[in-house]
């Protein structure tokens, strides 16, 4: 596909022309969308506006603007990168949106896309409210730090720990912490699950751990191959890390504390592995599934089961 040919470039006049052309090329190339956008049109808008150094929200106002030749070349070059590399657009522009906030991302971290953003927007109601806000929050498997930072905005008086096993991921999280001016509130910590958190207790633990089972890992679209494998797969059923979290979370929660954990499509494996446990599966107005809630009391109630499963199946 010679998207940068002078003949094509000369026929594309406006921002709208570029977006239409890009969307058509993306559909023809059978790209996968799921890293910030879910369709070719929105992806083309994002890449076009980035190449033009304009805010995405300005598209409707600026769409009929005529482009300079060098501007067209910049947009088309970005389109060609997307088509030939199958690299998620967020990595091409080093930018992703989560919970209404902008974050730096690159191939050291997953592209933010968790439905937990909706829970943060709602300040984890009804578990927490104006009379009972969390004072200490743990974002376990923080990656880019997006959940930790969004929680810091939602609860400005809370202390937030952003924990990950990957130093590379924590380096990206630090970029975002500094970018949002939250160095005093959000603290990055290197830890394999809870291994370096002895004695730390929280009112709220939020975690989006790796949870893709082996079958799904082997059939993921090419776009996912650009993401760090350590952030995706977690054993044959996707629950290796989740088992550790379930067995160890109660020890790190205060008496009225709550665990929120995303397991996505591996919800079916959770229900199969723990048939005796009553998980509260959360629902979302804006799409998303596979996120459960357990209170400190519920974790204590099932502690023996969680311990048995981690020993038996680890």
C-alpha atoms as a PDB file:
ATOM      1  CA  UNK A   1       0.000   0.000   0.000  1.00  0.00           C
ATOM      2  CA  UNK A   2       1.657   3.226  -1.178  1.00  0.00           C
ATOM      3  CA  UNK A   3      -0.316   5.598   1.025  1.00  0.00           C
ATOM      4  CA  UNK A   4       2.380   8.257   0.692  1.00  0.00           C
ATOM      5  CA  UNK A   5       2.295   8.481  -3.120  1.00  0.00           C
ATOM      6  CA  UNK A   6       2.178  12.023  -4.464  1.00  0.00           C
ATOM      7  CA  UNK A   7      -0.888  11.206  -6.543  1.00  0.00           C
ATOM      8  CA  UNK A   8      -2.955  10.206  -3.520  1.00  0.00           C
ATOM      9  CA  UNK A   9      -1.605  13.061  -1.434  1.00  0.00           C
ATOM     10  CA  UNK A  10      -2.601  15.656  -4.011  1.00  0.00           C
ATOM     11  CA  UNK A  11      -6.225  14.477  -3.998  1.00  0.00           C
ATOM     12  CA  UNK A  12      -6.658  14.684  -0.240  1.00  0.00           C
ATOM     13  CA  UNK A  13      -7.414  18.285   0.643  1.00  0.00           C
ATOM     14  CA  UNK A  14      -9.012  18.556   4.083  1.00  0.00           C
ATOM     15  CA  UNK A  15      -8.737  16.963   7.510  1.00  0.00           C
ATOM     16  CA  UNK A  16     -11.979  15.141   6.764  1.00  0.00           C
ATOM     17  CA  UNK A  17     -10.498  13.773   3.526  1.00  0.00           C
ATOM     18  CA  UNK A  18      -7.535  12.418   5.460  1.00  0.00           C
ATOM     19  CA  UNK A  19      -9.694  10.759   8.098  1.00  0.00           C
ATOM     20  CA  UNK A  20     -11.953   9.119   5.523  1.00  0.00           C
ATOM     21  CA  UNK A  21      -8.963   7.853   3.587  1.00  0.00           C
ATOM     22  CA  UNK A  22      -7.253   6.559   6.708  1.00  0.00           C
ATOM     23  CA  UNK A  23     -10.363   4.744   7.922  1.00  0.00           C
ATOM     24  CA  UNK A  24     -10.730   3.048   4.533  1.00  0.00           C
ATOM     25  CA  UNK A  25      -7.097   1.953   4.553  1.00  0.00           C
ATOM     26  CA  UNK A  26      -7.384   0.600   8.087  1.00  0.00           C
ATOM     27  CA  UNK A  27     -10.495  -1.409   7.242  1.00  0.00           C
ATOM     28  CA  UNK A  28      -8.873  -2.754   4.093  1.00  0.00           C
ATOM     29  CA  UNK A  29      -5.820  -3.815   6.092  1.00  0.00           C
ATOM     30  CA  UNK A  30      -8.059  -5.659   8.587  1.00  0.00           C
ATOM     31  CA  UNK A  31      -6.470  -3.981  11.585  1.00  0.00           C
ATOM     32  CA  UNK A  32      -7.594  -4.744  15.127  1.00  0.00           C
ATOM     33  CA  UNK A  33      -8.970  -1.928  17.254  1.00  0.00           C
ATOM     34  CA  UNK A  34      -9.048  -2.264  21.010  1.00  0.00           C
ATOM     35  CA  UNK A  35      -6.287  -0.081  22.388  1.00  0.00           C
ATOM     36  CA  UNK A  36      -8.094   3.179  22.919  1.00  0.00           C
ATOM     37  CA  UNK A  37     -10.506   3.075  19.989  1.00  0.00           C
ATOM     38  CA  UNK A  38     -12.839   0.360  18.730  1.00  0.00           C
ATOM     39  CA  UNK A  39     -13.245   1.340  15.057  1.00  0.00           C
ATOM     40  CA  UNK A  40     -11.245   2.555  12.060  1.00  0.00           C
ATOM     41  CA  UNK A  41     -12.825   6.017  11.919  1.00  0.00           C
ATOM     42  CA  UNK A  42     -11.965   7.010  15.493  1.00  0.00           C
ATOM     43  CA  UNK A  43      -8.461   5.628  15.028  1.00  0.00           C
ATOM     44  CA  UNK A  44      -7.976   7.751  11.897  1.00  0.00           C
ATOM     45  CA  UNK A  45      -9.250  10.836  13.730  1.00  0.00           C
ATOM     46  CA  UNK A  46      -6.815  10.264  16.601  1.00  0.00           C
ATOM     47  CA  UNK A  47      -3.796   9.789  14.350  1.00  0.00           C
ATOM     48  CA  UNK A  48      -4.698  12.688  12.056  1.00  0.00           C
ATOM     49  CA  UNK A  49      -5.191  15.196  14.857  1.00  0.00           C
ATOM     50  CA  UNK A  50      -2.002  14.083  16.584  1.00  0.00           C
ATOM     51  CA  UNK A  51       0.026  14.515  13.382  1.00  0.00           C
ATOM     52  CA  UNK A  52      -1.418  18.022  13.024  1.00  0.00           C
ATOM     53  CA  UNK A  53      -0.609  18.938  16.643  1.00  0.00           C
ATOM     54  CA  UNK A  54      -4.284  19.556  17.377  1.00  0.00           C
ATOM     55  CA  UNK A  55      -6.476  18.327  20.209  1.00  0.00           C
ATOM     56  CA  UNK A  56      -8.685  15.463  19.133  1.00  0.00           C
ATOM     57  CA  UNK A  57     -11.780  17.274  20.382  1.00  0.00           C
ATOM     58  CA  UNK A  58     -11.244  19.937  17.726  1.00  0.00           C
ATOM     59  CA  UNK A  59     -11.996  17.542  14.855  1.00  0.00           C
ATOM     60  CA  UNK A  60     -15.587  18.663  14.264  1.00  0.00           C
ATOM     61  CA  UNK A  61     -14.606  22.329  14.216  1.00  0.00           C
ATOM     62  CA  UNK A  62     -11.527  21.836  12.030  1.00  0.00           C
ATOM     63  CA  UNK A  63     -12.525  18.969   9.730  1.00  0.00           C
ATOM     64  CA  UNK A  64     -13.010  21.154   6.636  1.00  0.00           C
ATOM     65  CA  UNK A  65      -9.657  22.907   7.042  1.00  0.00           C
ATOM     66  CA  UNK A  66      -7.334  22.576   4.036  1.00  0.00           C
ATOM     67  CA  UNK A  67      -3.960  21.004   4.744  1.00  0.00           C
ATOM     68  CA  UNK A  68      -0.482  21.958   3.622  1.00  0.00           C
ATOM     69  CA  UNK A  69       1.473  19.359   1.667  1.00  0.00           C
ATOM     70  CA  UNK A  70       3.883  18.760   4.526  1.00  0.00           C
ATOM     71  CA  UNK A  71       0.947  18.252   6.898  1.00  0.00           C
ATOM     72  CA  UNK A  72      -0.562  15.684   4.557  1.00  0.00           C
ATOM     73  CA  UNK A  73       2.771  13.869   4.385  1.00  0.00           C
ATOM     74  CA  UNK A  74       2.970  13.691   8.186  1.00  0.00           C
ATOM     75  CA  UNK A  75      -0.520  12.232   8.486  1.00  0.00           C
ATOM     76  CA  UNK A  76       0.003   9.702   5.692  1.00  0.00           C
ATOM     77  CA  UNK A  77       3.307   8.557   7.181  1.00  0.00           C
ATOM     78  CA  UNK A  78       1.539   7.834  10.469  1.00  0.00           C
ATOM     79  CA  UNK A  79      -1.201   5.920   8.642  1.00  0.00           C
ATOM     80  CA  UNK A  80       1.411   3.814   6.859  1.00  0.00           C
ATOM     81  CA  UNK A  81       3.125   3.002  10.143  1.00  0.00           C
ATOM     82  CA  UNK A  82      -0.174   1.813  11.604  1.00  0.00           C
ATOM     83  CA  UNK A  83      -0.931  -0.418   8.612  1.00  0.00           C
ATOM     84  CA  UNK A  84       2.510  -1.930   8.051  1.00  0.00           C
ATOM     85  CA  UNK A  85       3.474  -2.495  11.693  1.00  0.00           C
ATOM     86  CA  UNK A  86       0.067  -3.296  13.245  1.00  0.00           C
ATOM     87  CA  UNK A  87       1.390  -1.345  16.205  1.00  0.00           C
ATOM     88  CA  UNK A  88      -1.419   0.094  18.374  1.00  0.00           C
ATOM     89  CA  UNK A  89      -1.986   3.771  17.675  1.00  0.00           C
ATOM     90  CA  UNK A  90      -1.284   4.606  21.320  1.00  0.00           C
ATOM     91  CA  UNK A  91       2.304   3.434  20.869  1.00  0.00           C
ATOM     92  CA  UNK A  92       2.719   5.410  17.648  1.00  0.00           C
ATOM     93  CA  UNK A  93       1.768   8.643  19.388  1.00  0.00           C
ATOM     94  CA  UNK A  94       2.932   7.664  22.918  1.00  0.00           C
ATOM     95  CA  UNK A  95      -0.394   8.756  24.302  1.00  0.00           C
ATOM     96  CA  UNK A  96      -3.486   7.092  25.766  1.00  0.00           C
ATOM     97  CA  UNK A  97      -6.627   8.241  27.526  1.00  0.00           C
ATOM     98  CA  UNK A  98      -7.935   6.655  30.716  1.00  0.00           C
ATOM     99  CA  UNK A  99     -10.618   7.920  33.094  1.00  0.00           C
ATOM    100  CA  UNK A 100     -10.637  11.250  31.276  1.00  0.00           C
ATOM    101  CA  UNK A 101      -6.890  11.729  31.771  1.00  0.00           C
ATOM    102  CA  UNK A 102      -3.972  11.598  29.348  1.00  0.00           C
ATOM    103  CA  UNK A 103      -1.038   9.236  29.898  1.00  0.00           C
ATOM    104  CA  UNK A 104       2.326   8.578  28.286  1.00  0.00           C
ATOM    105  CA  UNK A 105       2.634   4.980  27.053  1.00  0.00           C
ATOM    106  CA  UNK A 106       5.152   2.915  25.124  1.00  0.00           C
ATOM    107  CA  UNK A 107       5.872  -0.773  24.600  1.00  0.00           C
ATOM    108  CA  UNK A 108       7.034  -1.188  28.207  1.00  0.00           C
ATOM    109  CA  UNK A 109       3.405  -1.122  29.415  1.00  0.00           C
ATOM    110  CA  UNK A 110      -0.027  -2.230  28.282  1.00  0.00           C
ATOM    111  CA  UNK A 111      -2.242   0.377  26.649  1.00  0.00           C
ATOM    112  CA  UNK A 112      -4.811   1.425  29.322  1.00  0.00           C
ATOM    113  CA  UNK A 113      -8.289   0.078  28.580  1.00  0.00           C
ATOM    114  CA  UNK A 114      -9.799  -1.199  31.835  1.00  0.00           C
ATOM    115  CA  UNK A 115     -13.498  -0.767  32.742  1.00  0.00           C
ATOM    116  CA  UNK A 116     -12.208   0.045  36.226  1.00  0.00           C
ATOM    117  CA  UNK A 117     -12.113   3.630  34.918  1.00  0.00           C
ATOM    118  CA  UNK A 118     -15.882   3.751  35.388  1.00  0.00           C
ATOM    119  CA  UNK A 119     -15.552   2.606  38.996  1.00  0.00           C
ATOM    120  CA  UNK A 120     -12.993   5.321  39.648  1.00  0.00           C
ATOM    121  CA  UNK A 121     -15.274   7.928  38.048  1.00  0.00           C
ATOM    122  CA  UNK A 122     -18.000   6.801  40.473  1.00  0.00           C
ATOM    123  CA  UNK A 123     -15.488   6.857  43.362  1.00  0.00           C
ATOM    124  CA  UNK A 124     -16.130   3.152  44.005  1.00  0.00           C
ATOM    125  CA  UNK A 125     -19.648   3.836  45.248  1.00  0.00           C
ATOM    126  CA  UNK A 126     -21.358   2.339  47.195  1.00  0.00           C
ATOM    127  CA  UNK A 127     -18.319   0.820  48.943  1.00  0.00           C
ATOM    128  CA  UNK A 128     -17.049   4.338  49.618  1.00  0.00           C
ATOM    129  CA  UNK A 129     -18.839   7.675  49.968  1.00  0.00           C
ATOM    130  CA  UNK A 130     -18.350  11.210  51.291  1.00  0.00           C
ATOM    131  CA  UNK A 131     -18.417   9.955  54.863  1.00  0.00           C
ATOM    132  CA  UNK A 132     -16.082   7.052  54.178  1.00  0.00           C
ATOM    133  CA  UNK A 133     -13.285   7.654  51.687  1.00  0.00           C
ATOM    134  CA  UNK A 134     -10.211   5.408  51.397  1.00  0.00           C
ATOM    135  CA  UNK A 135      -7.111   6.826  53.052  1.00  0.00           C
ATOM    136  CA  UNK A 136      -4.674   4.299  51.593  1.00  0.00           C
ATOM    137  CA  UNK A 137      -5.046   2.770  48.130  1.00  0.00           C
ATOM    138  CA  UNK A 138      -2.977   0.111  46.392  1.00  0.00           C
ATOM    139  CA  UNK A 139      -2.880  -0.192  42.601  1.00  0.00           C
ATOM    140  CA  UNK A 140      -1.392  -3.665  42.166  1.00  0.00           C
ATOM    141  CA  UNK A 141       0.159  -4.423  38.736  1.00  0.00           C
ATOM    142  CA  UNK A 142       0.093  -0.710  37.976  1.00  0.00           C
ATOM    143  CA  UNK A 143       1.743  -0.711  34.533  1.00  0.00           C
ATOM    144  CA  UNK A 144       1.569   2.872  33.256  1.00  0.00           C
ATOM    145  CA  UNK A 145       0.235   4.017  36.625  1.00  0.00           C
ATOM    146  CA  UNK A 146      -3.087   5.047  35.113  1.00  0.00           C
ATOM    147  CA  UNK A 147      -5.302   3.456  37.781  1.00  0.00           C
ATOM    148  CA  UNK A 148      -3.165   4.787  40.631  1.00  0.00           C
ATOM    149  CA  UNK A 149      -3.124   8.298  39.205  1.00  0.00           C
ATOM    150  CA  UNK A 150      -6.857   8.301  38.425  1.00  0.00           C
ATOM    151  CA  UNK A 151      -7.510   7.143  42.005  1.00  0.00           C
ATOM    152  CA  UNK A 152      -5.360   9.998  43.294  1.00  0.00           C
ATOM    153  CA  UNK A 153      -7.544  12.476  41.404  1.00  0.00           C
ATOM    154  CA  UNK A 154     -10.714  10.803  42.709  1.00  0.00           C
ATOM    155  CA  UNK A 155      -9.441  10.770  46.301  1.00  0.00           C
ATOM    156  CA  UNK A 156      -7.052  13.721  46.664  1.00  0.00           C
ATOM    157  CA  UNK A 157      -6.440  13.065  50.376  1.00  0.00           C
ATOM    158  CA  UNK A 158      -5.516   9.406  49.875  1.00  0.00           C
ATOM    159  CA  UNK A 159      -2.019   7.927  49.785  1.00  0.00           C
ATOM    160  CA  UNK A 160      -1.661   5.725  46.690  1.00  0.00           C
ATOM    161  CA  UNK A 161       0.969   3.024  46.115  1.00  0.00           C
ATOM    162  CA  UNK A 162       1.600   2.023  42.489  1.00  0.00           C
ATOM    163  CA  UNK A 163       3.101  -1.476  42.522  1.00  0.00           C
ATOM    164  CA  UNK A 164       4.528  -3.574  39.697  1.00  0.00           C
ATOM    165  CA  UNK A 165       7.078  -6.346  39.275  1.00  0.00           C
ATOM    166  CA  UNK A 166       8.492  -4.649  36.168  1.00  0.00           C
ATOM    167  CA  UNK A 167      11.058  -1.886  36.639  1.00  0.00           C
ATOM    168  CA  UNK A 168      10.440  -0.859  33.027  1.00  0.00           C
ATOM    169  CA  UNK A 169       6.748  -0.390  33.760  1.00  0.00           C
ATOM    170  CA  UNK A 170       7.533   1.597  36.903  1.00  0.00           C
ATOM    171  CA  UNK A 171       9.771   3.891  34.851  1.00  0.00           C
ATOM    172  CA  UNK A 172       6.754   4.682  32.653  1.00  0.00           C
ATOM    173  CA  UNK A 173       4.549   5.092  35.724  1.00  0.00           C
ATOM    174  CA  UNK A 174       7.065   7.593  37.108  1.00  0.00           C
ATOM    175  CA  UNK A 175       6.847   9.623  33.891  1.00  0.00           C
ATOM    176  CA  UNK A 176       3.082   9.809  34.348  1.00  0.00           C
ATOM    177  CA  UNK A 177       3.248  10.530  38.074  1.00  0.00           C
ATOM    178  CA  UNK A 178       5.543  13.470  37.388  1.00  0.00           C
ATOM    179  CA  UNK A 179       3.468  14.549  34.403  1.00  0.00           C
ATOM    180  CA  UNK A 180       0.423  14.854  36.639  1.00  0.00           C
ATOM    181  CA  UNK A 181       2.370  16.479  39.481  1.00  0.00           C
ATOM    182  CA  UNK A 182       1.513  13.702  41.941  1.00  0.00           C
ATOM    183  CA  UNK A 183       4.968  12.780  43.255  1.00  0.00           C
ATOM    184  CA  UNK A 184       3.885  13.444  46.843  1.00  0.00           C
ATOM    185  CA  UNK A 185       0.730  11.339  46.601  1.00  0.00           C
ATOM    186  CA  UNK A 186       1.479   8.396  44.276  1.00  0.00           C
ATOM    187  CA  UNK A 187       4.480   6.240  45.200  1.00  0.00           C
ATOM    188  CA  UNK A 188       5.876   3.625  42.750  1.00  0.00           C
ATOM    189  CA  UNK A 189       7.068   0.404  44.397  1.00  0.00           C
ATOM    190  CA  UNK A 190       8.729  -2.619  42.809  1.00  0.00           C
ATOM    191  CA  UNK A 191       7.165  -5.819  44.129  1.00  0.00           C
ATOM    192  CA  UNK A 192       6.181  -9.288  42.923  1.00  0.00           C
ATOM    193  CA  UNK A 193       2.523  -9.067  43.987  1.00  0.00           C
ATOM    194  CA  UNK A 194       2.752  -8.429  47.774  1.00  0.00           C
ATOM    195  CA  UNK A 195       6.349  -9.639  48.286  1.00  0.00           C
ATOM    196  CA  UNK A 196       7.762  -6.187  49.146  1.00  0.00           C
ATOM    197  CA  UNK A 197       4.687  -4.895  50.985  1.00  0.00           C
ATOM    198  CA  UNK A 198       5.167  -6.530  54.381  1.00  0.00           C
ATOM    199  CA  UNK A 199       3.167  -4.649  57.002  1.00  0.00           C
ATOM    200  CA  UNK A 200       1.419  -2.440  54.427  1.00  0.00           C
ATOM    201  CA  UNK A 201      -2.370  -2.262  54.817  1.00  0.00           C
ATOM    202  CA  UNK A 202      -4.913  -0.526  52.616  1.00  0.00           C
ATOM    203  CA  UNK A 203      -8.549   0.508  52.586  1.00  0.00           C
ATOM    204  CA  UNK A 204      -8.793  -0.293  48.873  1.00  0.00           C
ATOM    205  CA  UNK A 205      -6.788  -2.642  46.664  1.00  0.00           C
ATOM    206  CA  UNK A 206      -7.437  -2.231  42.942  1.00  0.00           C
ATOM    207  CA  UNK A 207      -5.748  -4.617  40.561  1.00  0.00           C
ATOM    208  CA  UNK A 208      -5.771  -5.350  36.852  1.00  0.00           C
ATOM    209  CA  UNK A 209      -3.284  -8.231  36.789  1.00  0.00           C
ATOM    210  CA  UNK A 210      -2.268 -10.312  33.772  1.00  0.00           C
ATOM    211  CA  UNK A 211      -5.201 -12.684  33.191  1.00  0.00           C
ATOM    212  CA  UNK A 212      -5.169 -13.928  29.581  1.00  0.00           C
ATOM    213  CA  UNK A 213      -5.256 -17.727  29.409  1.00  0.00           C
ATOM    214  CA  UNK A 214      -2.813 -19.629  27.195  1.00  0.00           C
ATOM    215  CA  UNK A 215      -5.367 -20.410  24.493  1.00  0.00           C
ATOM    216  CA  UNK A 216      -6.240 -16.735  24.103  1.00  0.00           C
ATOM    217  CA  UNK A 217      -2.578 -15.664  24.237  1.00  0.00           C
ATOM    218  CA  UNK A 218      -1.862 -17.887  21.246  1.00  0.00           C
ATOM    219  CA  UNK A 219      -4.724 -16.389  19.218  1.00  0.00           C
ATOM    220  CA  UNK A 220      -4.349 -12.673  20.012  1.00  0.00           C
ATOM    221  CA  UNK A 221      -4.337 -10.209  17.074  1.00  0.00           C
ATOM    222  CA  UNK A 222      -0.963  -8.879  15.931  1.00  0.00           C
ATOM    223  CA  UNK A 223      -1.515  -5.600  17.774  1.00  0.00           C
ATOM    224  CA  UNK A 224      -1.116  -7.388  21.111  1.00  0.00           C
ATOM    225  CA  UNK A 225       2.308  -8.710  20.126  1.00  0.00           C
ATOM    226  CA  UNK A 226       3.658  -5.190  20.643  1.00  0.00           C
ATOM    227  CA  UNK A 227       2.561  -5.217  24.290  1.00  0.00           C
ATOM    228  CA  UNK A 228       4.769  -6.722  27.037  1.00  0.00           C
ATOM    229  CA  UNK A 229       3.931 -10.416  27.363  1.00  0.00           C
ATOM    230  CA  UNK A 230       4.425 -10.214  31.137  1.00  0.00           C
ATOM    231  CA  UNK A 231       1.359  -7.969  31.271  1.00  0.00           C
ATOM    232  CA  UNK A 232      -0.941 -10.348  29.396  1.00  0.00           C
ATOM    233  CA  UNK A 233      -0.540 -14.067  30.060  1.00  0.00           C
ATOM    234  CA  UNK A 234      -0.770 -15.729  33.468  1.00  0.00           C
ATOM    235  CA  UNK A 235      -0.614 -19.489  33.082  1.00  0.00           C
ATOM    236  CA  UNK A 236      -2.833 -21.984  31.313  1.00  0.00           C
ATOM    237  CA  UNK A 237      -6.080 -20.589  32.730  1.00  0.00           C
ATOM    238  CA  UNK A 238      -4.894 -17.005  33.207  1.00  0.00           C
ATOM    239  CA  UNK A 239      -5.142 -17.160  36.998  1.00  0.00           C
ATOM    240  CA  UNK A 240      -1.583 -17.720  38.260  1.00  0.00           C
ATOM    241  CA  UNK A 241      -1.265 -14.186  39.627  1.00  0.00           C
ATOM    242  CA  UNK A 242      -4.924 -13.896  40.609  1.00  0.00           C
ATOM    243  CA  UNK A 243      -4.516 -16.946  42.874  1.00  0.00           C
ATOM    244  CA  UNK A 244      -1.686 -15.205  44.713  1.00  0.00           C
ATOM    245  CA  UNK A 245      -3.733 -12.047  45.063  1.00  0.00           C
ATOM    246  CA  UNK A 246      -6.718 -13.917  46.490  1.00  0.00           C
ATOM    247  CA  UNK A 247      -4.533 -15.812  48.978  1.00  0.00           C
ATOM    248  CA  UNK A 248      -2.627 -12.750  50.189  1.00  0.00           C
ATOM    249  CA  UNK A 249      -4.967  -9.744  49.851  1.00  0.00           C
ATOM    250  CA  UNK A 250      -6.724 -10.085  53.228  1.00  0.00           C
ATOM    251  CA  UNK A 251      -3.402  -9.658  55.024  1.00  0.00           C
ATOM    252  CA  UNK A 252      -3.016  -6.247  53.369  1.00  0.00           C
ATOM    253  CA  UNK A 253      -6.538  -4.885  53.880  1.00  0.00           C
ATOM    254  CA  UNK A 254      -7.852  -2.918  56.832  1.00  0.00           C
ATOM    255  CA  UNK A 255     -10.962  -4.288  58.564  1.00  0.00           C
ATOM    256  CA  UNK A 256     -13.456  -2.577  56.237  1.00  0.00           C
ATOM    257  CA  UNK A 257     -11.192  -2.860  53.208  1.00  0.00           C
ATOM    258  CA  UNK A 258     -12.202  -3.917  49.703  1.00  0.00           C
ATOM    259  CA  UNK A 259     -10.462  -5.779  46.875  1.00  0.00           C
ATOM    260  CA  UNK A 260     -11.418  -4.914  43.277  1.00  0.00           C
ATOM    261  CA  UNK A 261      -9.888  -7.285  40.710  1.00  0.00           C
ATOM    262  CA  UNK A 262     -10.248  -7.500  36.931  1.00  0.00           C
ATOM    263  CA  UNK A 263      -9.950 -10.893  35.249  1.00  0.00           C
ATOM    264  CA  UNK A 264     -11.762 -10.189  31.966  1.00  0.00           C
ATOM    265  CA  UNK A 265     -12.588 -13.274  29.929  1.00  0.00           C
ATOM    266  CA  UNK A 266     -11.020 -15.448  32.629  1.00  0.00           C
ATOM    267  CA  UNK A 267     -14.120 -14.871  34.752  1.00  0.00           C
ATOM    268  CA  UNK A 268     -15.223 -18.330  33.643  1.00  0.00           C
ATOM    269  CA  UNK A 269     -11.972 -19.803  35.019  1.00  0.00           C
ATOM    270  CA  UNK A 270     -12.392 -17.980  38.341  1.00  0.00           C
ATOM    271  CA  UNK A 271     -15.883 -19.373  38.778  1.00  0.00           C
ATOM    272  CA  UNK A 272     -14.650 -22.849  37.867  1.00  0.00           C
ATOM    273  CA  UNK A 273     -11.612 -22.714  40.162  1.00  0.00           C
ATOM    274  CA  UNK A 274     -13.553 -21.346  43.160  1.00  0.00           C
ATOM    275  CA  UNK A 275     -17.101 -22.762  42.995  1.00  0.00           C
ATOM    276  CA  UNK A 276     -17.501 -22.366  46.769  1.00  0.00           C
ATOM    277  CA  UNK A 277     -16.748 -18.628  46.716  1.00  0.00           C
ATOM    278  CA  UNK A 278     -19.470 -16.021  46.250  1.00  0.00           C
ATOM    279  CA  UNK A 279     -17.844 -13.357  44.116  1.00  0.00           C
ATOM    280  CA  UNK A 280     -19.635 -10.068  43.494  1.00  0.00           C
ATOM    281  CA  UNK A 281     -19.287  -9.448  39.757  1.00  0.00           C
ATOM    282  CA  UNK A 282     -19.632  -5.763  38.964  1.00  0.00           C
ATOM    283  CA  UNK A 283     -21.673  -4.338  36.100  1.00  0.00           C
ATOM    284  CA  UNK A 284     -20.781  -1.367  33.901  1.00  0.00           C
ATOM    285  CA  UNK A 285     -22.915   1.193  32.115  1.00  0.00           C
ATOM    286  CA  UNK A 286     -20.279   1.842  29.455  1.00  0.00           C
ATOM    287  CA  UNK A 287     -19.143  -1.689  28.678  1.00  0.00           C
ATOM    288  CA  UNK A 288     -16.816  -4.111  30.367  1.00  0.00           C
ATOM    289  CA  UNK A 289     -16.987  -7.338  32.342  1.00  0.00           C
ATOM    290  CA  UNK A 290     -14.955  -9.709  34.460  1.00  0.00           C
ATOM    291  CA  UNK A 291     -14.349  -7.442  37.464  1.00  0.00           C
ATOM    292  CA  UNK A 292     -15.135  -8.815  40.917  1.00  0.00           C
ATOM    293  CA  UNK A 293     -15.327  -7.353  44.405  1.00  0.00           C
ATOM    294  CA  UNK A 294     -14.487  -9.070  47.679  1.00  0.00           C
ATOM    295  CA  UNK A 295     -14.473  -7.416  51.086  1.00  0.00           C
ATOM    296  CA  UNK A 296     -11.882  -8.086  53.767  1.00  0.00           C
ATOM    297  CA  UNK A 297     -14.514 -10.123  55.646  1.00  0.00           C
ATOM    298  CA  UNK A 298     -15.247 -12.229  52.559  1.00  0.00           C
ATOM    299  CA  UNK A 299     -11.565 -12.830  51.899  1.00  0.00           C
ATOM    300  CA  UNK A 300     -11.151 -13.960  55.510  1.00  0.00           C
ATOM    301  CA  UNK A 301     -14.173 -16.250  55.187  1.00  0.00           C
ATOM    302  CA  UNK A 302     -12.665 -18.076  52.214  1.00  0.00           C
ATOM    303  CA  UNK A 303      -9.010 -17.806  53.281  1.00  0.00           C
ATOM    304  CA  UNK A 304      -8.509 -21.572  53.669  1.00  0.00           C
ATOM    305  CA  UNK A 305      -9.870 -22.172  50.168  1.00  0.00           C
ATOM    306  CA  UNK A 306      -7.628 -19.489  48.669  1.00  0.00           C
ATOM    307  CA  UNK A 307      -4.609 -20.945  50.483  1.00  0.00           C
ATOM    308  CA  UNK A 308      -5.407 -24.475  49.311  1.00  0.00           C
ATOM    309  CA  UNK A 309      -5.770 -23.420  45.689  1.00  0.00           C
ATOM    310  CA  UNK A 310      -2.484 -21.531  45.568  1.00  0.00           C
ATOM    311  CA  UNK A 311      -0.590 -24.487  47.086  1.00  0.00           C
ATOM    312  CA  UNK A 312      -2.360 -27.081  44.979  1.00  0.00           C
ATOM    313  CA  UNK A 313      -2.366 -25.282  41.630  1.00  0.00           C
ATOM    314  CA  UNK A 314       0.558 -22.843  41.724  1.00  0.00           C
END
